[in-house]
C-alpha atoms as a PDB file:
ATOM      1  CA  UNK A   1     239.812  -7.198 110.862  1.00  0.00           C
ATOM      2  CA  UNK A   2     242.668  -9.550 110.607  1.00  0.00           C
ATOM      3  CA  UNK A   3     245.169 -10.125 113.412  1.00  0.00           C
ATOM      4  CA  UNK A   4     248.828 -11.032 112.598  1.00  0.00           C
ATOM      5  CA  UNK A   5     252.108 -11.838 114.276  1.00  0.00           C
ATOM      6  CA  UNK A   6     255.803 -11.745 113.879  1.00  0.00           C
ATOM      7  CA  UNK A   7     257.760 -14.823 112.851  1.00  0.00           C
ATOM      8  CA  UNK A   8     261.166 -14.407 113.877  1.00  0.00           C
ATOM      9  CA  UNK A   9     264.054 -15.855 112.401  1.00  0.00           C
ATOM     10  CA  UNK A  10     265.487 -18.947 114.071  1.00  0.00           C
ATOM     11  CA  UNK A  11     266.552 -22.643 113.154  1.00  0.00           C
ATOM     12  CA  UNK A  12     264.296 -24.432 110.589  1.00  0.00           C
ATOM     13  CA  UNK A  13     262.641 -26.617 113.307  1.00  0.00           C
ATOM     14  CA  UNK A  14     261.968 -23.814 115.580  1.00  0.00           C
ATOM     15  CA  UNK A  15     260.386 -21.695 112.818  1.00  0.00           C
ATOM     16  CA  UNK A  16     258.243 -24.626 111.809  1.00  0.00           C
ATOM     17  CA  UNK A  17     257.238 -24.977 115.648  1.00  0.00           C
ATOM     18  CA  UNK A  18     256.321 -21.418 115.784  1.00  0.00           C
ATOM     19  CA  UNK A  19     254.412 -21.190 112.785  1.00  0.00           C
ATOM     20  CA  UNK A  20     252.320 -24.299 113.722  1.00  0.00           C
ATOM     21  CA  UNK A  21     251.654 -22.751 117.320  1.00  0.00           C
ATOM     22  CA  UNK A  22     250.587 -19.423 115.484  1.00  0.00           C
ATOM     23  CA  UNK A  23     248.189 -21.370 113.198  1.00  0.00           C
ATOM     24  CA  UNK A  24     246.705 -23.113 115.971  1.00  0.00           C
ATOM     25  CA  UNK A  25     245.785 -20.054 117.959  1.00  0.00           C
ATOM     26  CA  UNK A  26     244.304 -18.228 114.969  1.00  0.00           C
ATOM     27  CA  UNK A  27     246.493 -15.716 113.938  1.00  0.00           C
ATOM     28  CA  UNK A  28     245.778 -14.803 110.157  1.00  0.00           C
ATOM     29  CA  UNK A  29     249.059 -14.270 109.043  1.00  0.00           C
ATOM     30  CA  UNK A  30     252.852 -14.395 110.191  1.00  0.00           C
ATOM     31  CA  UNK A  31     255.083 -11.665 109.043  1.00  0.00           C
ATOM     32  CA  UNK A  32     259.151 -11.689 108.794  1.00  0.00           C
ATOM     33  CA  UNK A  33     261.494  -8.834 108.682  1.00  0.00           C
ATOM     34  CA  UNK A  34     264.765  -7.803 107.354  1.00  0.00           C
ATOM     35  CA  UNK A  35     267.261  -6.888 109.775  1.00  0.00           C
ATOM     36  CA  UNK A  36     269.909  -9.337 111.200  1.00  0.00           C
ATOM     37  CA  UNK A  37     268.539 -11.981 108.872  1.00  0.00           C
ATOM     38  CA  UNK A  38     267.115 -12.526 105.362  1.00  0.00           C
ATOM     39  CA  UNK A  39     263.325 -11.985 105.409  1.00  0.00           C
ATOM     40  CA  UNK A  40     262.489 -14.653 102.879  1.00  0.00           C
ATOM     41  CA  UNK A  41     264.383 -17.748 104.195  1.00  0.00           C
ATOM     42  CA  UNK A  42     262.140 -18.339 107.294  1.00  0.00           C
ATOM     43  CA  UNK A  43     259.084 -18.345 105.425  1.00  0.00           C
ATOM     44  CA  UNK A  44     259.771 -21.766 103.456  1.00  0.00           C
ATOM     45  CA  UNK A  45     259.863 -23.383 106.414  1.00  0.00           C
ATOM     46  CA  UNK A  46     256.762 -21.873 107.745  1.00  0.00           C
ATOM     47  CA  UNK A  47     255.072 -22.822 104.439  1.00  0.00           C
ATOM     48  CA  UNK A  48     256.011 -26.237 104.723  1.00  0.00           C
ATOM     49  CA  UNK A  49     254.846 -26.556 108.336  1.00  0.00           C
ATOM     50  CA  UNK A  50     251.240 -25.143 108.031  1.00  0.00           C
ATOM     51  CA  UNK A  51     248.128 -25.003 106.028  1.00  0.00           C
ATOM     52  CA  UNK A  52     246.205 -21.809 106.538  1.00  0.00           C
ATOM     53  CA  UNK A  53     248.529 -19.366 108.226  1.00  0.00           C
ATOM     54  CA  UNK A  54     249.074 -16.435 105.787  1.00  0.00           C
ATOM     55  CA  UNK A  55     252.892 -15.814 105.336  1.00  0.00           C
ATOM     56  CA  UNK A  56     254.660 -12.481 104.346  1.00  0.00           C
ATOM     57  CA  UNK A  57     257.769 -10.154 104.297  1.00  0.00           C
ATOM     58  CA  UNK A  58     257.086  -6.915 106.585  1.00  0.00           C
ATOM     59  CA  UNK A  59     259.343  -5.809 105.108  1.00  0.00           C
ATOM     60  CA  UNK A  60     262.180  -7.119 102.452  1.00  0.00           C
ATOM     61  CA  UNK A  61     264.160  -4.020 101.274  1.00  0.00           C
ATOM     62  CA  UNK A  62     263.516  -3.820  97.671  1.00  0.00           C
ATOM     63  CA  UNK A  63     266.535  -2.001  96.517  1.00  0.00           C
ATOM     64  CA  UNK A  64     268.907  -4.679  98.018  1.00  0.00           C
ATOM     65  CA  UNK A  65     267.856  -7.084  95.351  1.00  0.00           C
ATOM     66  CA  UNK A  66     266.973  -6.949  91.530  1.00  0.00           C
ATOM     67  CA  UNK A  67     263.405  -7.249  90.390  1.00  0.00           C
ATOM     68  CA  UNK A  68     263.954 -10.548  88.948  1.00  0.00           C
ATOM     69  CA  UNK A  69     265.505 -12.103  92.118  1.00  0.00           C
ATOM     70  CA  UNK A  70     262.552 -10.739  94.387  1.00  0.00           C
ATOM     71  CA  UNK A  71     260.262 -11.998  91.588  1.00  0.00           C
ATOM     72  CA  UNK A  72     261.671 -15.458  91.742  1.00  0.00           C
ATOM     73  CA  UNK A  73     261.896 -16.078  95.735  1.00  0.00           C
ATOM     74  CA  UNK A  74     258.214 -14.550  95.680  1.00  0.00           C
ATOM     75  CA  UNK A  75     257.066 -16.984  92.888  1.00  0.00           C
ATOM     76  CA  UNK A  76     258.784 -19.991  94.719  1.00  0.00           C
ATOM     77  CA  UNK A  77     257.189 -18.977  98.351  1.00  0.00           C
ATOM     78  CA  UNK A  78     253.642 -18.625  96.838  1.00  0.00           C
ATOM     79  CA  UNK A  79     254.202 -22.186  95.242  1.00  0.00           C
ATOM     80  CA  UNK A  80     255.421 -23.884  98.421  1.00  0.00           C
ATOM     81  CA  UNK A  81     252.710 -22.118 100.599  1.00  0.00           C
ATOM     82  CA  UNK A  82     249.918 -22.815  97.961  1.00  0.00           C
ATOM     83  CA  UNK A  83     248.910 -19.114  97.565  1.00  0.00           C
ATOM     84  CA  UNK A  84     249.501 -17.811 101.124  1.00  0.00           C
ATOM     85  CA  UNK A  85     252.420 -15.538 100.593  1.00  0.00           C
ATOM     86  CA  UNK A  86     252.289 -11.841 100.717  1.00  0.00           C
ATOM     87  CA  UNK A  87     255.204  -9.851  99.153  1.00  0.00           C
ATOM     88  CA  UNK A  88     256.049  -6.876 101.403  1.00  0.00           C
ATOM     89  CA  UNK A  89     258.508  -4.366 100.169  1.00  0.00           C
ATOM     90  CA  UNK A  90     260.102  -1.137 101.510  1.00  0.00           C
ATOM     91  CA  UNK A  91     262.766   1.056 100.398  1.00  0.00           C
ATOM     92  CA  UNK A  92     264.830   1.418 103.586  1.00  0.00           C
ATOM     93  CA  UNK A  93     266.842   4.858 103.757  1.00  0.00           C
ATOM     94  CA  UNK A  94     269.602   6.254 101.674  1.00  0.00           C
ATOM     95  CA  UNK A  95     272.339   5.478 104.030  1.00  0.00           C
ATOM     96  CA  UNK A  96     271.760   1.791 104.463  1.00  0.00           C
ATOM     97  CA  UNK A  97     270.864   1.250 100.534  1.00  0.00           C
ATOM     98  CA  UNK A  98     274.205   3.114  99.453  1.00  0.00           C
ATOM     99  CA  UNK A  99     276.550   2.353 102.142  1.00  0.00           C
ATOM    100  CA  UNK A 100     275.406  -1.238 103.441  1.00  0.00           C
ATOM    101  CA  UNK A 101     273.628  -2.527 100.272  1.00  0.00           C
ATOM    102  CA  UNK A 102     276.012  -0.874  97.698  1.00  0.00           C
ATOM    103  CA  UNK A 103     272.745  -0.094  95.679  1.00  0.00           C
ATOM    104  CA  UNK A 104     271.268   3.167  94.148  1.00  0.00           C
ATOM    105  CA  UNK A 105     268.881   5.048  96.047  1.00  0.00           C
ATOM    106  CA  UNK A 106     267.734   8.210  93.626  1.00  0.00           C
ATOM    107  CA  UNK A 107     263.971   8.892  93.567  1.00  0.00           C
ATOM    108  CA  UNK A 108     263.055   6.276  95.810  1.00  0.00           C
ATOM    109  CA  UNK A 109     259.079   6.543  95.276  1.00  0.00           C
ATOM    110  CA  UNK A 110     259.498   6.607  91.552  1.00  0.00           C
ATOM    111  CA  UNK A 111     261.973   3.949  91.542  1.00  0.00           C
ATOM    112  CA  UNK A 112     259.986   1.626  93.734  1.00  0.00           C
ATOM    113  CA  UNK A 113     257.004   2.043  91.695  1.00  0.00           C
ATOM    114  CA  UNK A 114     259.064   0.955  88.554  1.00  0.00           C
ATOM    115  CA  UNK A 115     260.579  -1.761  90.568  1.00  0.00           C
ATOM    116  CA  UNK A 116     257.189  -3.368  91.470  1.00  0.00           C
ATOM    117  CA  UNK A 117     255.884  -2.823  87.716  1.00  0.00           C
ATOM    118  CA  UNK A 118     259.028  -4.789  86.495  1.00  0.00           C
ATOM    119  CA  UNK A 119     258.406  -7.482  89.337  1.00  0.00           C
ATOM    120  CA  UNK A 120     254.877  -8.115  88.052  1.00  0.00           C
ATOM    121  CA  UNK A 121     256.075  -8.034  84.266  1.00  0.00           C
ATOM    122  CA  UNK A 122     258.243 -10.918  85.247  1.00  0.00           C
ATOM    123  CA  UNK A 123     255.448 -12.944  87.010  1.00  0.00           C
ATOM    124  CA  UNK A 124     253.094 -12.520  83.843  1.00  0.00           C
ATOM    125  CA  UNK A 125     255.937 -14.158  81.778  1.00  0.00           C
ATOM    126  CA  UNK A 126     256.412 -16.803  84.235  1.00  0.00           C
ATOM    127  CA  UNK A 127     252.890 -17.704  84.178  1.00  0.00           C
ATOM    128  CA  UNK A 128     252.008 -17.125  80.583  1.00  0.00           C
ATOM    129  CA  UNK A 129     255.128 -17.422  78.670  1.00  0.00           C
ATOM    130  CA  UNK A 130     254.769 -13.999  77.324  1.00  0.00           C
ATOM    131  CA  UNK A 131     257.889 -12.412  75.743  1.00  0.00           C
ATOM    132  CA  UNK A 132     259.820 -10.171  78.126  1.00  0.00           C
ATOM    133  CA  UNK A 133     259.139  -6.697  76.889  1.00  0.00           C
ATOM    134  CA  UNK A 134     259.153  -4.370  80.267  1.00  0.00           C
ATOM    135  CA  UNK A 135     261.229  -1.234  80.051  1.00  0.00           C
ATOM    136  CA  UNK A 136     260.922   1.544  82.733  1.00  0.00           C
ATOM    137  CA  UNK A 137     262.842   4.359  84.071  1.00  0.00           C
ATOM    138  CA  UNK A 138     265.062   2.371  86.110  1.00  0.00           C
ATOM    139  CA  UNK A 139     264.557  -1.409  85.551  1.00  0.00           C
ATOM    140  CA  UNK A 140     264.167  -3.583  82.514  1.00  0.00           C
ATOM    141  CA  UNK A 141     262.831  -7.402  81.849  1.00  0.00           C
ATOM    142  CA  UNK A 142     263.578  -8.146  78.227  1.00  0.00           C
ATOM    143  CA  UNK A 143     265.462 -11.560  78.100  1.00  0.00           C
ATOM    144  CA  UNK A 144     264.677 -14.946  79.419  1.00  0.00           C
ATOM    145  CA  UNK A 145     264.617 -18.441  78.145  1.00  0.00           C
ATOM    146  CA  UNK A 146     263.004 -21.755  79.266  1.00  0.00           C
ATOM    147  CA  UNK A 147     266.012 -22.475  81.629  1.00  0.00           C
ATOM    148  CA  UNK A 148     265.182 -19.549  83.704  1.00  0.00           C
ATOM    149  CA  UNK A 149     261.580 -19.607  83.602  1.00  0.00           C
ATOM    150  CA  UNK A 150     260.132 -21.702  86.503  1.00  0.00           C
ATOM    151  CA  UNK A 151     256.750 -21.871  84.786  1.00  0.00           C
ATOM    152  CA  UNK A 152     253.036 -21.232  85.678  1.00  0.00           C
ATOM    153  CA  UNK A 153     251.884 -21.202  89.177  1.00  0.00           C
ATOM    154  CA  UNK A 154     248.526 -22.486  90.407  1.00  0.00           C
ATOM    155  CA  UNK A 155     248.309 -19.379  92.599  1.00  0.00           C
ATOM    156  CA  UNK A 156     249.598 -16.639  90.355  1.00  0.00           C
ATOM    157  CA  UNK A 157     248.105 -13.795  92.086  1.00  0.00           C
ATOM    158  CA  UNK A 158     250.591 -12.521  94.733  1.00  0.00           C
ATOM    159  CA  UNK A 159     249.604  -9.632  96.845  1.00  0.00           C
ATOM    160  CA  UNK A 160     252.293  -6.963  96.901  1.00  0.00           C
ATOM    161  CA  UNK A 161     252.324  -4.537  99.775  1.00  0.00           C
ATOM    162  CA  UNK A 162     254.567  -1.443  99.967  1.00  0.00           C
ATOM    163  CA  UNK A 163     255.681   0.301 103.168  1.00  0.00           C
ATOM    164  CA  UNK A 164     255.803   4.120 103.531  1.00  0.00           C
ATOM    165  CA  UNK A 165     255.519   7.015 106.184  1.00  0.00           C
ATOM    166  CA  UNK A 166     255.372  10.066 103.971  1.00  0.00           C
ATOM    167  CA  UNK A 167     252.470  11.122 101.459  1.00  0.00           C
ATOM    168  CA  UNK A 168     254.661  10.481  98.376  1.00  0.00           C
ATOM    169  CA  UNK A 169     255.484   6.871  99.268  1.00  0.00           C
ATOM    170  CA  UNK A 170     251.824   6.393 100.116  1.00  0.00           C
ATOM    171  CA  UNK A 171     250.706   7.809  96.840  1.00  0.00           C
ATOM    172  CA  UNK A 172     253.057   5.435  95.118  1.00  0.00           C
ATOM    173  CA  UNK A 173     251.547   2.221  97.050  1.00  0.00           C
ATOM    174  CA  UNK A 174     248.198   3.650  95.619  1.00  0.00           C
ATOM    175  CA  UNK A 175     249.550   3.529  92.295  1.00  0.00           C
ATOM    176  CA  UNK A 176     251.070  -0.134  92.049  1.00  0.00           C
ATOM    177  CA  UNK A 177     250.388  -1.986  95.226  1.00  0.00           C
ATOM    178  CA  UNK A 178     247.477  -4.202  96.696  1.00  0.00           C
ATOM    179  CA  UNK A 179     248.147  -3.348 100.214  1.00  0.00           C
ATOM    180  CA  UNK A 180     250.183  -0.893 102.341  1.00  0.00           C
ATOM    181  CA  UNK A 181     252.314  -1.680 105.346  1.00  0.00           C
ATOM    182  CA  UNK A 182     251.857   1.356 107.986  1.00  0.00           C
ATOM    183  CA  UNK A 183     254.971   1.956 110.235  1.00  0.00           C
ATOM    184  CA  UNK A 184     254.139   1.405 113.952  1.00  0.00           C
ATOM    185  CA  UNK A 185     255.164   5.348 114.369  1.00  0.00           C
ATOM    186  CA  UNK A 186     251.829   6.522 113.569  1.00  0.00           C
ATOM    187  CA  UNK A 187     248.605   7.927 114.981  1.00  0.00           C
ATOM    188  CA  UNK A 188     244.869   7.424 113.978  1.00  0.00           C
ATOM    189  CA  UNK A 189     244.643  11.186 113.080  1.00  0.00           C
ATOM    190  CA  UNK A 190     247.712  10.947 110.870  1.00  0.00           C
ATOM    191  CA  UNK A 191     246.396   7.735 109.189  1.00  0.00           C
ATOM    192  CA  UNK A 192     243.047   9.528 108.373  1.00  0.00           C
ATOM    193  CA  UNK A 193     244.038  12.813 107.253  1.00  0.00           C
ATOM    194  CA  UNK A 194     247.491  11.980 105.549  1.00  0.00           C
ATOM    195  CA  UNK A 195     248.125   8.151 104.858  1.00  0.00           C
ATOM    196  CA  UNK A 196     244.586   7.146 103.591  1.00  0.00           C
ATOM    197  CA  UNK A 197     243.917  10.357 101.306  1.00  0.00           C
ATOM    198  CA  UNK A 198     247.471   9.865  99.699  1.00  0.00           C
ATOM    199  CA  UNK A 199     246.640   6.188  99.257  1.00  0.00           C
ATOM    200  CA  UNK A 200     243.394   7.038  97.642  1.00  0.00           C
ATOM    201  CA  UNK A 201     245.009   9.844  95.383  1.00  0.00           C
ATOM    202  CA  UNK A 202     247.296   6.974  93.981  1.00  0.00           C
ATOM    203  CA  UNK A 203     244.653   4.431  93.613  1.00  0.00           C
ATOM    204  CA  UNK A 204     242.663   6.600  91.577  1.00  0.00           C
ATOM    205  CA  UNK A 205     245.313   6.901  88.798  1.00  0.00           C
ATOM    206  CA  UNK A 206     244.463   3.293  88.225  1.00  0.00           C
ATOM    207  CA  UNK A 207     240.611   3.175  88.768  1.00  0.00           C
ATOM    208  CA  UNK A 208     240.670   2.027  92.323  1.00  0.00           C
ATOM    209  CA  UNK A 209     240.336   3.643  95.755  1.00  0.00           C
ATOM    210  CA  UNK A 210     241.702   3.340  99.053  1.00  0.00           C
ATOM    211  CA  UNK A 211     239.123   0.816  99.967  1.00  0.00           C
ATOM    212  CA  UNK A 212     240.648  -1.648  97.199  1.00  0.00           C
ATOM    213  CA  UNK A 213     243.888  -1.792  99.205  1.00  0.00           C
ATOM    214  CA  UNK A 214     244.552  -3.802 102.453  1.00  0.00           C
ATOM    215  CA  UNK A 215     246.129  -1.765 105.185  1.00  0.00           C
ATOM    216  CA  UNK A 216     248.044  -3.363 107.908  1.00  0.00           C
ATOM    217  CA  UNK A 217     250.231  -2.042 110.809  1.00  0.00           C
ATOM    218  CA  UNK A 218     251.953  -3.386 113.998  1.00  0.00           C
ATOM    219  CA  UNK A 219     250.600  -1.606 116.988  1.00  0.00           C
ATOM    220  CA  UNK A 220     252.348  -0.421 120.084  1.00  0.00           C
ATOM    221  CA  UNK A 221     250.619  -1.922 123.145  1.00  0.00           C
ATOM    222  CA  UNK A 222     251.194  -1.026 126.675  1.00  0.00           C
ATOM    223  CA  UNK A 223     249.708  -3.832 129.051  1.00  0.00           C
ATOM    224  CA  UNK A 224     250.485  -6.393 131.839  1.00  0.00           C
ATOM    225  CA  UNK A 225     249.067  -8.469 134.850  1.00  0.00           C
ATOM    226  CA  UNK A 226     250.774  -6.355 137.039  1.00  0.00           C
ATOM    227  CA  UNK A 227     252.027  -2.802 137.643  1.00  0.00           C
ATOM    228  CA  UNK A 228     255.720  -3.717 137.330  1.00  0.00           C
ATOM    229  CA  UNK A 229     254.842  -5.478 133.962  1.00  0.00           C
ATOM    230  CA  UNK A 230     253.163  -2.482 132.603  1.00  0.00           C
ATOM    231  CA  UNK A 231     255.953  -0.159 133.772  1.00  0.00           C
ATOM    232  CA  UNK A 232     258.380  -2.252 131.763  1.00  0.00           C
ATOM    233  CA  UNK A 233     256.417  -2.352 128.741  1.00  0.00           C
ATOM    234  CA  UNK A 234     255.728   1.303 128.748  1.00  0.00           C
ATOM    235  CA  UNK A 235     259.399   1.798 129.278  1.00  0.00           C
ATOM    236  CA  UNK A 236     260.101  -0.413 126.257  1.00  0.00           C
ATOM    237  CA  UNK A 237     257.432   1.632 123.937  1.00  0.00           C
ATOM    238  CA  UNK A 238     258.703   4.930 125.161  1.00  0.00           C
ATOM    239  CA  UNK A 239     262.298   3.863 123.884  1.00  0.00           C
ATOM    240  CA  UNK A 240     261.298   2.908 120.478  1.00  0.00           C
ATOM    241  CA  UNK A 241     259.166   5.750 120.065  1.00  0.00           C
ATOM    242  CA  UNK A 242     262.142   7.995 120.834  1.00  0.00           C
ATOM    243  CA  UNK A 243     264.320   5.961 118.629  1.00  0.00           C
ATOM    244  CA  UNK A 244     262.111   6.427 115.823  1.00  0.00           C
ATOM    245  CA  UNK A 245     261.515  10.218 116.743  1.00  0.00           C
ATOM    246  CA  UNK A 246     265.414  10.686 116.155  1.00  0.00           C
ATOM    247  CA  UNK A 247     265.123   9.526 112.647  1.00  0.00           C
ATOM    248  CA  UNK A 248     264.265  12.147 109.627  1.00  0.00           C
ATOM    249  CA  UNK A 249     262.080   9.478 108.031  1.00  0.00           C
ATOM    250  CA  UNK A 250     259.389   9.597 110.645  1.00  0.00           C
ATOM    251  CA  UNK A 251     259.600  13.554 111.278  1.00  0.00           C
ATOM    252  CA  UNK A 252     256.426  13.920 109.159  1.00  0.00           C
ATOM    253  CA  UNK A 253     254.309  12.320 111.888  1.00  0.00           C
ATOM    254  CA  UNK A 254     255.613  14.340 114.763  1.00  0.00           C
ATOM    255  CA  UNK A 255     255.182  17.570 112.374  1.00  0.00           C
ATOM    256  CA  UNK A 256     251.555  16.555 111.795  1.00  0.00           C
ATOM    257  CA  UNK A 257     250.740  16.692 115.412  1.00  0.00           C
ATOM    258  CA  UNK A 258     253.210  20.094 116.239  1.00  0.00           C
ATOM    259  CA  UNK A 259     256.038  18.197 117.594  1.00  0.00           C
ATOM    260  CA  UNK A 260     258.703  19.309 115.396  1.00  0.00           C
ATOM    261  CA  UNK A 261     261.106  20.208 118.181  1.00  0.00           C
ATOM    262  CA  UNK A 262     260.889  16.842 119.706  1.00  0.00           C
ATOM    263  CA  UNK A 263     262.283  15.216 116.608  1.00  0.00           C
ATOM    264  CA  UNK A 264     265.399  17.559 116.628  1.00  0.00           C
ATOM    265  CA  UNK A 265     265.755  16.993 120.438  1.00  0.00           C
ATOM    266  CA  UNK A 266     265.672  13.457 119.670  1.00  0.00           C
ATOM    267  CA  UNK A 267     268.165  13.350 117.158  1.00  0.00           C
ATOM    268  CA  UNK A 268     270.529  15.430 119.346  1.00  0.00           C
ATOM    269  CA  UNK A 269     270.504  12.888 122.112  1.00  0.00           C
ATOM    270  CA  UNK A 270     270.948  10.244 119.795  1.00  0.00           C
ATOM    271  CA  UNK A 271     274.013  11.797 118.370  1.00  0.00           C
ATOM    272  CA  UNK A 272     275.132  12.204 122.009  1.00  0.00           C
ATOM    273  CA  UNK A 273     274.834   8.573 122.702  1.00  0.00           C
ATOM    274  CA  UNK A 274     272.122   9.279 125.514  1.00  0.00           C
ATOM    275  CA  UNK A 275     269.907   6.190 124.382  1.00  0.00           C
ATOM    276  CA  UNK A 276     268.898   5.395 127.743  1.00  0.00           C
ATOM    277  CA  UNK A 277     267.726   8.927 128.441  1.00  0.00           C
ATOM    278  CA  UNK A 278     265.629   9.381 125.157  1.00  0.00           C
ATOM    279  CA  UNK A 279     262.438   7.441 126.137  1.00  0.00           C
ATOM    280  CA  UNK A 280     262.030   9.744 129.188  1.00  0.00           C
ATOM    281  CA  UNK A 281     261.462  12.727 126.780  1.00  0.00           C
ATOM    282  CA  UNK A 282     258.504  11.247 125.060  1.00  0.00           C
ATOM    283  CA  UNK A 283     255.742  13.427 125.926  1.00  0.00           C
ATOM    284  CA  UNK A 284     252.810  11.571 127.613  1.00  0.00           C
ATOM    285  CA  UNK A 285     250.191  12.887 125.011  1.00  0.00           C
ATOM    286  CA  UNK A 286     252.436  11.405 122.263  1.00  0.00           C
ATOM    287  CA  UNK A 287     252.510   8.032 124.022  1.00  0.00           C
ATOM    288  CA  UNK A 288     248.776   8.000 124.220  1.00  0.00           C
ATOM    289  CA  UNK A 289     248.390   8.777 120.663  1.00  0.00           C
ATOM    290  CA  UNK A 290     250.531   6.028 119.575  1.00  0.00           C
ATOM    291  CA  UNK A 291     250.106   3.379 122.073  1.00  0.00           C
ATOM    292  CA  UNK A 292     247.241   1.396 123.166  1.00  0.00           C
ATOM    293  CA  UNK A 293     246.847   0.923 126.971  1.00  0.00           C
ATOM    294  CA  UNK A 294     244.787  -1.581 128.756  1.00  0.00           C
ATOM    295  CA  UNK A 295     244.423  -4.807 130.742  1.00  0.00           C
ATOM    296  CA  UNK A 296     245.510  -7.808 128.909  1.00  0.00           C
ATOM    297  CA  UNK A 297     242.071  -9.339 128.580  1.00  0.00           C
ATOM    298  CA  UNK A 298     240.777  -5.633 126.880  1.00  0.00           C
ATOM    299  CA  UNK A 299     243.520  -5.301 124.262  1.00  0.00           C
ATOM    300  CA  UNK A 300     241.605  -7.061 121.312  1.00  0.00           C
ATOM    301  CA  UNK A 301     238.441  -5.049 122.072  1.00  0.00           C
ATOM    302  CA  UNK A 302     240.699  -1.699 122.449  1.00  0.00           C
ATOM    303  CA  UNK A 303     242.332  -2.404 119.050  1.00  0.00           C
ATOM    304  CA  UNK A 304     239.071  -2.748 117.262  1.00  0.00           C
ATOM    305  CA  UNK A 305     237.722   0.302 118.823  1.00  0.00           C
ATOM    306  CA  UNK A 306     240.787   2.404 117.771  1.00  0.00           C
ATOM    307  CA  UNK A 307     241.375   0.829 114.304  1.00  0.00           C
ATOM    308  CA  UNK A 308     238.289  -0.484 112.846  1.00  0.00           C
ATOM    309  CA  UNK A 309     237.631   1.268 109.379  1.00  0.00           C
ATOM    310  CA  UNK A 310     241.163   2.617 109.596  1.00  0.00           C
ATOM    311  CA  UNK A 311     243.294  -0.742 109.455  1.00  0.00           C
ATOM    312  CA  UNK A 312     242.313  -3.938 107.921  1.00  0.00           C
ATOM    313  CA  UNK A 313     245.061  -5.960 109.745  1.00  0.00           C
ATOM    314  CA  UNK A 314     246.805  -5.405 113.067  1.00  0.00           C
ATOM    315  CA  UNK A 315     249.615  -6.950 115.014  1.00  0.00           C
ATOM    316  CA  UNK A 316     251.266  -5.989 118.282  1.00  0.00           C
ATOM    317  CA  UNK A 317     254.497  -4.597 118.090  1.00  0.00           C
ATOM    318  CA  UNK A 318     257.475  -6.827 118.927  1.00  0.00           C
ATOM    319  CA  UNK A 319     257.680  -5.237 122.686  1.00  0.00           C
ATOM    320  CA  UNK A 320     254.282  -6.888 123.380  1.00  0.00           C
ATOM    321  CA  UNK A 321     254.986 -10.133 125.260  1.00  0.00           C
ATOM    322  CA  UNK A 322     258.730 -10.275 124.280  1.00  0.00           C
ATOM    323  CA  UNK A 323     259.672 -11.864 127.305  1.00  0.00           C
ATOM    324  CA  UNK A 324     257.040 -14.443 126.954  1.00  0.00           C
ATOM    325  CA  UNK A 325     254.921 -13.435 129.777  1.00  0.00           C
ATOM    326  CA  UNK A 326     251.573 -12.697 127.849  1.00  0.00           C
ATOM    327  CA  UNK A 327     249.372 -15.494 127.778  1.00  0.00           C
ATOM    328  CA  UNK A 328     246.079 -14.042 126.692  1.00  0.00           C
ATOM    329  CA  UNK A 329     246.593 -14.718 122.973  1.00  0.00           C
ATOM    330  CA  UNK A 330     243.349 -16.652 122.231  1.00  0.00           C
ATOM    331  CA  UNK A 331     241.039 -14.210 123.805  1.00  0.00           C
ATOM    332  CA  UNK A 332     242.945 -11.263 122.065  1.00  0.00           C
ATOM    333  CA  UNK A 333     242.461 -13.057 118.755  1.00  0.00           C
ATOM    334  CA  UNK A 334     238.972 -13.599 119.346  1.00  0.00           C
ATOM    335  CA  UNK A 335     238.144 -10.118 120.099  1.00  0.00           C
ATOM    336  CA  UNK A 336     239.879  -8.708 117.211  1.00  0.00           C
ATOM    337  CA  UNK A 337     237.980 -10.956 114.998  1.00  0.00           C
ATOM    338  CA  UNK A 338     234.631 -10.278 116.258  1.00  0.00           C
ATOM    339  CA  UNK A 339     232.283  -8.309 114.181  1.00  0.00           C
END
């Protein structure tokens, strides 16, 4: 099992310093995410500052960019990092794609499948000079000249990860991706009974199985050196689960466990603006299913016990150590890596 971490957006020197510290601690990969800042930009500085640390996006919004612009950025980052880049893509939700990015969102699973195939076709032309001939249901790549072709890459095999929650998107990842980004809003039974079978179904369409995909997820963790620290972290995790529970995209996880009414309740509280109250409505049983509880020195062992054979890579969700009070990283990393 690999242990990854989050690379926050910051000034170039700060990104470089953070990446070097992560590499020194023994993290396997540092991921960026697309929210207030671009997901790709910090990775160039992290690549330049490190030699072994993997870098990747978790996630970059696919539909916010054309396949060619994504292929070009990924190709450059793969070259800058000497083969350490992972392209993690997600679809976002309709409202943001249409109203924030001004882009189409129809049939997202089919569209992102076509998107990834088009990106791969572009990389093939970059690497081999093959004449562009890709034409899918949503995207095409049929024109290029030498001026726009960056040429071969010493590390042309770029792993592509797709993010999702519902079975249809999981199946799409199995069809075209090398890895899958699991949302932190998950449970182990949901992964075993819904996510992994859907990934396997998709993978078998191209002669692979779920075992051929690398599955990664950030994990909610509740820990601390004192009761007060644990209480603060628990409140933060409850708020985050409540927030995700109010979003229809994650209702499938709640429905799987028989908590359909909770999704409606959280959505109503969100509409009423009662954000500070929502966490109090998260059932203890749901919290236990979605979060790892333990003393700081035990977290690495607990992560392995819960996810070994289910996930290939884990990281701790951003609430973990967000205020800088967690100092047991070397021990945690060593225990996750332990056979």
